[in-house]
């Protein structure tokens, strides 16, 4: 079982325009960090999917996200998938 940890809301950061970012970690049920999991971020309006392969410490990071779009996150690793988070 994979667990996808992300903040409850997407972080806001200031640039020329407002953008959001999301970051977190992927772990297994015993709390171990997962290196090499594929985290997918899906734009629910366009259905475009961005992917990130977790680093050694299980972290992922997506940036420059639109503040006006909803996104869904999920992680896959060795045939296991996390639940989807919005």
C-alpha atoms as a PDB file:
ATOM      1  CA  UNK A   1       0.000   0.000   0.000  1.00  0.00           C
ATOM      2  CA  UNK A   2       1.372   3.404  -0.989  1.00  0.00           C
ATOM      3  CA  UNK A   3       0.592   6.540   0.924  1.00  0.00           C
ATOM      4  CA  UNK A   4       0.756   9.899  -0.791  1.00  0.00           C
ATOM      5  CA  UNK A   5       1.390  12.739   1.611  1.00  0.00           C
ATOM      6  CA  UNK A   6       0.550  16.239   0.428  1.00  0.00           C
ATOM      7  CA  UNK A   7      -0.511  19.452   2.125  1.00  0.00           C
ATOM      8  CA  UNK A   8      -4.253  19.854   2.573  1.00  0.00           C
ATOM      9  CA  UNK A   9      -4.186  22.830   0.208  1.00  0.00           C
ATOM     10  CA  UNK A  10      -1.878  23.792  -2.567  1.00  0.00           C
ATOM     11  CA  UNK A  11       0.710  26.401  -1.560  1.00  0.00           C
ATOM     12  CA  UNK A  12       0.472  29.848  -3.114  1.00  0.00           C
ATOM     13  CA  UNK A  13       3.548  31.755  -4.216  1.00  0.00           C
ATOM     14  CA  UNK A  14       3.895  35.195  -5.779  1.00  0.00           C
ATOM     15  CA  UNK A  15       5.322  35.726  -9.256  1.00  0.00           C
ATOM     16  CA  UNK A  16       4.265  37.978 -12.086  1.00  0.00           C
ATOM     17  CA  UNK A  17       1.007  36.066 -11.706  1.00  0.00           C
ATOM     18  CA  UNK A  18      -0.194  33.874  -8.863  1.00  0.00           C
ATOM     19  CA  UNK A  19       0.746  30.244  -9.200  1.00  0.00           C
ATOM     20  CA  UNK A  20       0.490  27.276  -6.897  1.00  0.00           C
ATOM     21  CA  UNK A  21       2.763  24.371  -6.110  1.00  0.00           C
ATOM     22  CA  UNK A  22       2.341  21.038  -4.389  1.00  0.00           C
ATOM     23  CA  UNK A  23       4.992  18.899  -2.765  1.00  0.00           C
ATOM     24  CA  UNK A  24       5.043  15.919  -0.477  1.00  0.00           C
ATOM     25  CA  UNK A  25       6.437  12.456   0.144  1.00  0.00           C
ATOM     26  CA  UNK A  26       5.479   8.926  -0.838  1.00  0.00           C
ATOM     27  CA  UNK A  27       5.720   6.224   1.827  1.00  0.00           C
ATOM     28  CA  UNK A  28       4.642   2.614   2.309  1.00  0.00           C
ATOM     29  CA  UNK A  29       2.422   1.410   5.158  1.00  0.00           C
ATOM     30  CA  UNK A  30       5.346   1.016   7.597  1.00  0.00           C
ATOM     31  CA  UNK A  31       6.402   4.643   7.016  1.00  0.00           C
ATOM     32  CA  UNK A  32       9.422   3.867   4.821  1.00  0.00           C
ATOM     33  CA  UNK A  33      10.140   6.459   2.133  1.00  0.00           C
ATOM     34  CA  UNK A  34       9.735   5.327  -1.478  1.00  0.00           C
ATOM     35  CA  UNK A  35      12.454   6.172  -3.996  1.00  0.00           C
ATOM     36  CA  UNK A  36      11.379   5.833  -7.633  1.00  0.00           C
ATOM     37  CA  UNK A  37       7.600   6.034  -7.261  1.00  0.00           C
ATOM     38  CA  UNK A  38       5.830   7.774 -10.130  1.00  0.00           C
ATOM     39  CA  UNK A  39       3.627  10.625  -8.876  1.00  0.00           C
ATOM     40  CA  UNK A  40       1.055  11.880 -11.373  1.00  0.00           C
ATOM     41  CA  UNK A  41      -0.629  15.275 -11.240  1.00  0.00           C
ATOM     42  CA  UNK A  42      -3.746  15.486 -13.417  1.00  0.00           C
ATOM     43  CA  UNK A  43      -5.313  18.764 -14.519  1.00  0.00           C
ATOM     44  CA  UNK A  44      -9.048  18.057 -14.181  1.00  0.00           C
ATOM     45  CA  UNK A  45      -9.956  20.637 -16.834  1.00  0.00           C
ATOM     46  CA  UNK A  46      -7.622  19.611 -19.686  1.00  0.00           C
ATOM     47  CA  UNK A  47      -6.852  16.079 -18.408  1.00  0.00           C
ATOM     48  CA  UNK A  48      -3.145  16.816 -18.967  1.00  0.00           C
ATOM     49  CA  UNK A  49      -0.930  14.676 -16.700  1.00  0.00           C
ATOM     50  CA  UNK A  50       2.462  15.719 -15.345  1.00  0.00           C
ATOM     51  CA  UNK A  51       4.725  13.084 -13.768  1.00  0.00           C
ATOM     52  CA  UNK A  52       7.506  13.203 -11.186  1.00  0.00           C
ATOM     53  CA  UNK A  53       9.710  10.305 -10.078  1.00  0.00           C
ATOM     54  CA  UNK A  54      10.324  10.546  -6.338  1.00  0.00           C
ATOM     55  CA  UNK A  55      13.835  11.232  -5.095  1.00  0.00           C
ATOM     56  CA  UNK A  56      15.839   9.123  -2.609  1.00  0.00           C
ATOM     57  CA  UNK A  57      13.936  10.717   0.276  1.00  0.00           C
ATOM     58  CA  UNK A  58      10.541   9.962  -1.297  1.00  0.00           C
ATOM     59  CA  UNK A  59       9.823  13.601  -2.149  1.00  0.00           C
ATOM     60  CA  UNK A  60       8.102  15.083  -5.190  1.00  0.00           C
ATOM     61  CA  UNK A  61       7.388  18.671  -6.254  1.00  0.00           C
ATOM     62  CA  UNK A  62       5.138  20.232  -8.889  1.00  0.00           C
ATOM     63  CA  UNK A  63       5.281  23.989  -9.464  1.00  0.00           C
ATOM     64  CA  UNK A  64       3.783  26.759 -11.631  1.00  0.00           C
ATOM     65  CA  UNK A  65       0.265  25.373 -11.251  1.00  0.00           C
ATOM     66  CA  UNK A  66      -2.736  27.478 -12.159  1.00  0.00           C
ATOM     67  CA  UNK A  67      -4.713  28.847  -9.194  1.00  0.00           C
ATOM     68  CA  UNK A  68      -7.974  28.423 -11.161  1.00  0.00           C
ATOM     69  CA  UNK A  69      -7.687  24.686 -11.897  1.00  0.00           C
ATOM     70  CA  UNK A  70      -8.364  21.634  -9.734  1.00  0.00           C
ATOM     71  CA  UNK A  71      -5.743  18.868  -9.744  1.00  0.00           C
ATOM     72  CA  UNK A  72      -5.652  15.207  -8.734  1.00  0.00           C
ATOM     73  CA  UNK A  73      -2.567  13.422  -7.350  1.00  0.00           C
ATOM     74  CA  UNK A  74      -1.743   9.737  -7.219  1.00  0.00           C
ATOM     75  CA  UNK A  75       1.399   7.618  -6.858  1.00  0.00           C
ATOM     76  CA  UNK A  76       2.331   4.273  -8.418  1.00  0.00           C
ATOM     77  CA  UNK A  77       5.191   1.974  -7.402  1.00  0.00           C
ATOM     78  CA  UNK A  78       5.863  -1.647  -8.349  1.00  0.00           C
ATOM     79  CA  UNK A  79       2.223  -2.388  -9.170  1.00  0.00           C
ATOM     80  CA  UNK A  80       0.777  -0.626  -6.101  1.00  0.00           C
ATOM     81  CA  UNK A  81      -1.177   2.618  -6.318  1.00  0.00           C
ATOM     82  CA  UNK A  82      -2.125   5.216  -3.756  1.00  0.00           C
ATOM     83  CA  UNK A  83      -5.605   6.629  -3.471  1.00  0.00           C
ATOM     84  CA  UNK A  84      -6.237   9.751  -5.542  1.00  0.00           C
ATOM     85  CA  UNK A  85      -6.184  13.087  -3.742  1.00  0.00           C
ATOM     86  CA  UNK A  86      -7.710  16.324  -4.989  1.00  0.00           C
END
